[in-house]
């Protein structure tokens, strides 16, 4: 069975299909990044479960829960400069951010070899020229990277995430985290850590994508000063 675009809908192993597959709003939303994002989506459909990157039930909700969710962070990232995606995993949000921020240098940080191999494959297949893959833990890159923004998705609670990411951010740079509906509670719980790390302007933003979908929550904070303990 094919849809009006001539393609079969993405399906999970239980036969369910992604309700957003073939939705013309997707191409409008992603704009010039659409060819890269569409190819990334197809790679996730074809190889994601096989390579242990997504569960079988995730195939039928890749657009909403993963790709659009990742895209929600992009308006909070700089247009250019260095963007680091910590714990990139399958490339979310880093690959999407790289496609939508072509003038930025995007570094995907991931400690697992099989995942970095996947990320290298995605970079090659999508033709993204602004991406570097680093096999490392965030802690190992302290002093090796000075980013304009560091982003992360589903890595850790904010108090721990701030400790991991702040050493990679230049003074005045941003930490930008994708979070769930408890983002405000997490931010409040991280207040003491933020003071110690000299993080300021902590805020939670509702980031809508397509009409009818639940918004994503994005947490932003600014690294102040020229230092601050991170231990």
Protein backbone atom coordinates (compact mmCIF):
# COMPACT_ATOMS: atom_id res chain seq x y z
CA UNK A 1 0.00 0.00 0.00
CA UNK A 2 1.31 3.45 -0.87
CA UNK A 3 0.18 6.94 0.09
CA UNK A 4 -0.43 9.93 -2.17
CA UNK A 5 3.33 10.54 -2.40
CA UNK A 6 3.85 7.11 -3.94
CA UNK A 7 5.68 5.75 -0.89
CA UNK A 8 4.67 3.08 1.56
CA UNK A 9 4.09 4.51 5.05
CA UNK A 10 6.68 3.76 7.71
CA UNK A 11 5.44 0.80 9.73
CA UNK A 12 6.30 -0.83 13.03
CA UNK A 13 6.51 -4.59 13.43
CA UNK A 14 2.88 -4.68 14.60
CA UNK A 15 1.77 -3.20 11.27
CA UNK A 16 0.92 0.24 12.57
CA UNK A 17 1.93 3.20 10.45
CA UNK A 18 3.25 6.62 11.26
CA UNK A 19 0.27 9.02 10.97
CA UNK A 20 2.58 11.82 9.83
CA UNK A 21 4.23 9.89 7.00
CA UNK A 22 3.50 11.73 3.77
CA UNK A 23 2.12 14.80 5.57
CA UNK A 24 2.97 17.78 3.32
CA UNK A 25 3.44 19.99 6.37
CA UNK A 26 6.70 18.20 7.16
CA UNK A 27 8.50 19.47 4.08
CA UNK A 28 7.27 23.00 4.76
CA UNK A 29 8.35 22.80 8.41
CA UNK A 30 11.88 21.57 7.67
CA UNK A 31 12.36 23.84 4.67
CA UNK A 32 15.78 23.62 3.03
CA UNK A 33 16.81 20.93 5.52
CA UNK A 34 14.10 18.58 4.23
CA UNK A 35 16.28 16.37 1.95
CA UNK A 36 18.72 15.59 4.77
CA UNK A 37 16.01 15.11 7.38
CA UNK A 38 13.95 12.87 5.11
CA UNK A 39 16.99 10.69 4.36
CA UNK A 40 17.80 10.50 8.07
CA UNK A 41 14.22 9.42 8.76
CA UNK A 42 14.43 6.72 6.10
CA UNK A 43 17.68 5.40 7.60
CA UNK A 44 16.03 5.21 11.02
CA UNK A 45 13.07 3.31 9.53
CA UNK A 46 15.30 0.88 7.67
CA UNK A 47 18.11 0.38 10.19
CA UNK A 48 17.21 1.96 13.52
CA UNK A 49 15.72 -1.08 15.20
CA UNK A 50 18.21 -3.49 13.62
CA UNK A 51 21.12 -1.46 14.97
CA UNK A 52 19.61 -1.09 18.43
CA UNK A 53 18.95 2.63 18.18
CA UNK A 54 15.16 2.65 18.53
CA UNK A 55 12.56 0.17 19.75
CA UNK A 56 10.11 -1.50 17.36
CA UNK A 57 7.20 0.67 18.51
CA UNK A 58 9.14 3.86 17.78
CA UNK A 59 9.09 3.38 14.01
CA UNK A 60 5.44 4.42 13.87
CA UNK A 61 6.10 7.66 15.76
CA UNK A 62 9.47 8.74 14.48
CA UNK A 63 8.26 12.04 13.08
CA UNK A 64 6.46 13.33 16.16
CA UNK A 65 8.45 11.86 19.04
CA UNK A 66 11.92 12.03 17.57
CA UNK A 67 12.47 14.22 14.50
CA UNK A 68 9.99 17.02 15.18
CA UNK A 69 10.85 16.80 18.87
CA UNK A 70 14.51 17.32 17.96
CA UNK A 71 13.66 20.18 15.60
CA UNK A 72 11.95 22.01 18.48
CA UNK A 73 15.37 22.79 19.95
CA UNK A 74 16.69 24.50 16.81
CA UNK A 75 15.15 27.98 17.31
CA UNK A 76 17.08 28.21 20.60
CA UNK A 77 20.45 27.37 18.99
CA UNK A 78 22.73 29.92 17.31
CA UNK A 79 22.70 30.20 13.52
CA UNK A 80 26.48 29.75 13.39
CA UNK A 81 29.39 28.88 15.68
CA UNK A 82 30.01 25.56 17.43
CA UNK A 83 27.08 23.44 18.61
CA UNK A 84 27.76 20.27 20.61
CA UNK A 85 25.22 17.47 21.00
CA UNK A 86 26.14 15.49 24.13
CA UNK A 87 25.09 11.84 24.24
CA UNK A 88 23.99 12.05 20.62
CA UNK A 89 22.94 8.38 20.39
CA UNK A 90 20.96 7.95 17.18
CA UNK A 91 21.73 11.56 16.23
CA UNK A 92 18.88 13.24 18.06
CA UNK A 93 18.82 16.20 18.13
CA UNK A 94 22.28 16.69 16.60
CA UNK A 95 21.66 15.48 13.04
CA UNK A 96 18.43 17.45 12.80
CA UNK A 97 20.13 20.54 14.21
CA UNK A 98 23.00 20.21 11.72
CA UNK A 99 20.56 20.00 8.81
CA UNK A 100 18.63 23.05 10.01
CA UNK A 101 21.70 25.09 11.02
CA UNK A 102 24.00 24.57 8.00
CA UNK A 103 26.26 27.51 8.92
CA UNK A 104 27.08 25.99 12.33
CA UNK A 105 29.78 23.43 13.11
CA UNK A 106 27.98 20.59 14.89
CA UNK A 107 29.91 18.11 17.05
CA UNK A 108 28.15 14.85 17.95
CA UNK A 109 29.59 13.43 21.18
CA UNK A 110 28.81 9.77 21.83
CA UNK A 111 30.84 7.21 23.83
CA UNK A 112 29.51 3.97 22.26
CA UNK A 113 31.41 2.68 19.22
CA UNK A 114 28.39 1.16 17.47
CA UNK A 115 26.53 4.44 17.77
CA UNK A 116 29.43 6.53 16.49
CA UNK A 117 29.66 4.13 13.53
CA UNK A 118 25.98 4.79 12.87
CA UNK A 119 26.47 8.54 13.14
CA UNK A 120 29.32 8.41 10.62
CA UNK A 121 27.05 6.47 8.26
CA UNK A 122 24.29 9.06 8.65
CA UNK A 123 26.68 11.93 7.95
CA UNK A 124 27.89 10.20 4.80
CA UNK A 125 24.40 9.26 3.57
CA UNK A 126 22.85 12.67 4.20
CA UNK A 127 25.78 14.62 2.79
CA UNK A 128 26.03 16.85 5.86
CA UNK A 129 29.38 18.64 5.69
CA UNK A 130 29.13 20.57 8.96
CA UNK A 131 29.22 17.58 11.32
CA UNK A 132 32.06 16.01 13.31
CA UNK A 133 31.57 12.81 15.29
CA UNK A 134 33.59 12.42 18.49
CA UNK A 135 33.69 9.11 20.33
CA UNK A 136 34.04 10.29 23.93
CA UNK A 137 32.22 11.05 27.12
CA UNK A 138 31.44 14.67 27.78
CA UNK A 139 33.77 14.66 30.80
CA UNK A 140 36.70 13.67 28.57
CA UNK A 141 36.33 16.78 26.41
CA UNK A 142 36.69 19.36 29.18
CA UNK A 143 39.20 21.86 27.77
CA UNK A 144 39.10 20.33 24.28
CA UNK A 145 35.89 22.01 23.10
CA UNK A 146 34.57 25.53 23.62
CA UNK A 147 31.04 25.59 22.26
CA UNK A 148 28.65 28.42 21.61
CA UNK A 149 25.85 26.04 22.60
CA UNK A 150 25.60 22.54 24.01
CA UNK A 151 22.41 20.57 23.60
CA UNK A 152 21.19 17.21 24.84
CA UNK A 153 18.11 15.01 24.76
CA UNK A 154 17.20 12.29 27.26
CA UNK A 155 20.69 12.22 28.78
CA UNK A 156 20.21 13.04 32.47
CA UNK A 157 18.27 15.15 34.96
CA UNK A 158 19.13 18.83 34.68
CA UNK A 159 21.34 19.02 37.76
CA UNK A 160 23.59 16.27 36.38
CA UNK A 161 23.29 17.47 32.79
CA UNK A 162 24.47 20.95 33.75
CA UNK A 163 27.55 19.46 35.44
CA UNK A 164 28.33 17.46 32.29
CA UNK A 165 27.79 20.22 29.76
CA UNK A 166 28.95 23.48 31.33
CA UNK A 167 32.69 22.68 30.97
CA UNK A 168 32.15 22.49 27.19
CA UNK A 169 30.45 25.90 26.90
CA UNK A 170 32.26 29.20 26.44
CA UNK A 171 31.40 32.04 28.82
CA UNK A 172 28.24 33.60 27.48
CA UNK A 173 27.33 30.38 25.66
CA UNK A 174 24.16 28.37 26.07
CA UNK A 175 23.06 25.05 27.49
CA UNK A 176 19.91 24.00 25.62
CA UNK A 177 18.16 20.83 26.80
CA UNK A 178 15.13 19.01 25.45
CA UNK A 179 12.92 17.99 28.35
CA UNK A 180 9.49 16.63 29.16
CA UNK A 181 6.52 18.13 30.97
CA UNK A 182 8.41 18.14 34.32
CA UNK A 183 11.00 20.58 32.99
CA UNK A 184 10.03 23.35 35.40
CA UNK A 185 10.37 21.03 38.41
CA UNK A 186 13.78 19.85 37.17
CA UNK A 187 14.95 23.41 36.68
CA UNK A 188 13.86 24.38 40.18
CA UNK A 189 15.66 21.35 41.65
CA UNK A 190 18.86 22.33 39.82
CA UNK A 191 18.99 25.86 41.28
CA UNK A 192 21.90 25.17 43.64
CA UNK A 193 23.94 23.50 40.92
CA UNK A 194 23.26 26.41 38.59
CA UNK A 195 24.56 28.91 41.15
CA UNK A 196 27.72 26.87 41.66
CA UNK A 197 28.31 26.62 37.91
CA UNK A 198 27.50 30.31 37.34
CA UNK A 199 24.60 29.48 35.06
CA UNK A 200 22.10 32.30 34.72
CA UNK A 201 18.82 33.07 32.97
CA UNK A 202 17.43 29.57 33.37
CA UNK A 203 14.12 29.32 31.53
CA UNK A 204 11.63 26.75 30.26
CA UNK A 205 10.09 27.32 26.84
CA UNK A 206 7.16 25.61 25.17
CA UNK A 207 8.31 24.85 21.64
CA UNK A 208 5.48 23.95 19.25
CA UNK A 209 6.09 22.12 15.98
CA UNK A 210 3.07 21.12 13.85
CA UNK A 211 -0.48 22.12 14.70
CA UNK A 212 -2.25 19.44 16.68
CA UNK A 213 0.90 17.99 18.24
CA UNK A 214 1.89 18.41 21.86
CA UNK A 215 4.61 21.02 22.37
CA UNK A 216 8.13 20.11 23.36
CA UNK A 217 9.74 21.72 26.39
CA UNK A 218 13.16 23.31 25.97
CA UNK A 219 15.31 24.48 28.88
CA UNK A 220 17.91 27.18 28.28
CA UNK A 221 20.60 28.63 30.53
CA UNK A 222 23.59 30.93 29.97
CA UNK A 223 27.09 30.29 31.25
CA UNK A 224 28.24 33.44 32.99
CA UNK A 225 31.69 34.69 34.00
CA UNK A 226 34.95 33.08 32.99
CA UNK A 227 34.88 30.01 35.14
CA UNK A 228 33.09 28.52 38.08
CA UNK A 229 33.53 25.19 39.77
CA UNK A 230 32.04 22.25 37.96
CA UNK A 231 32.77 19.46 40.36
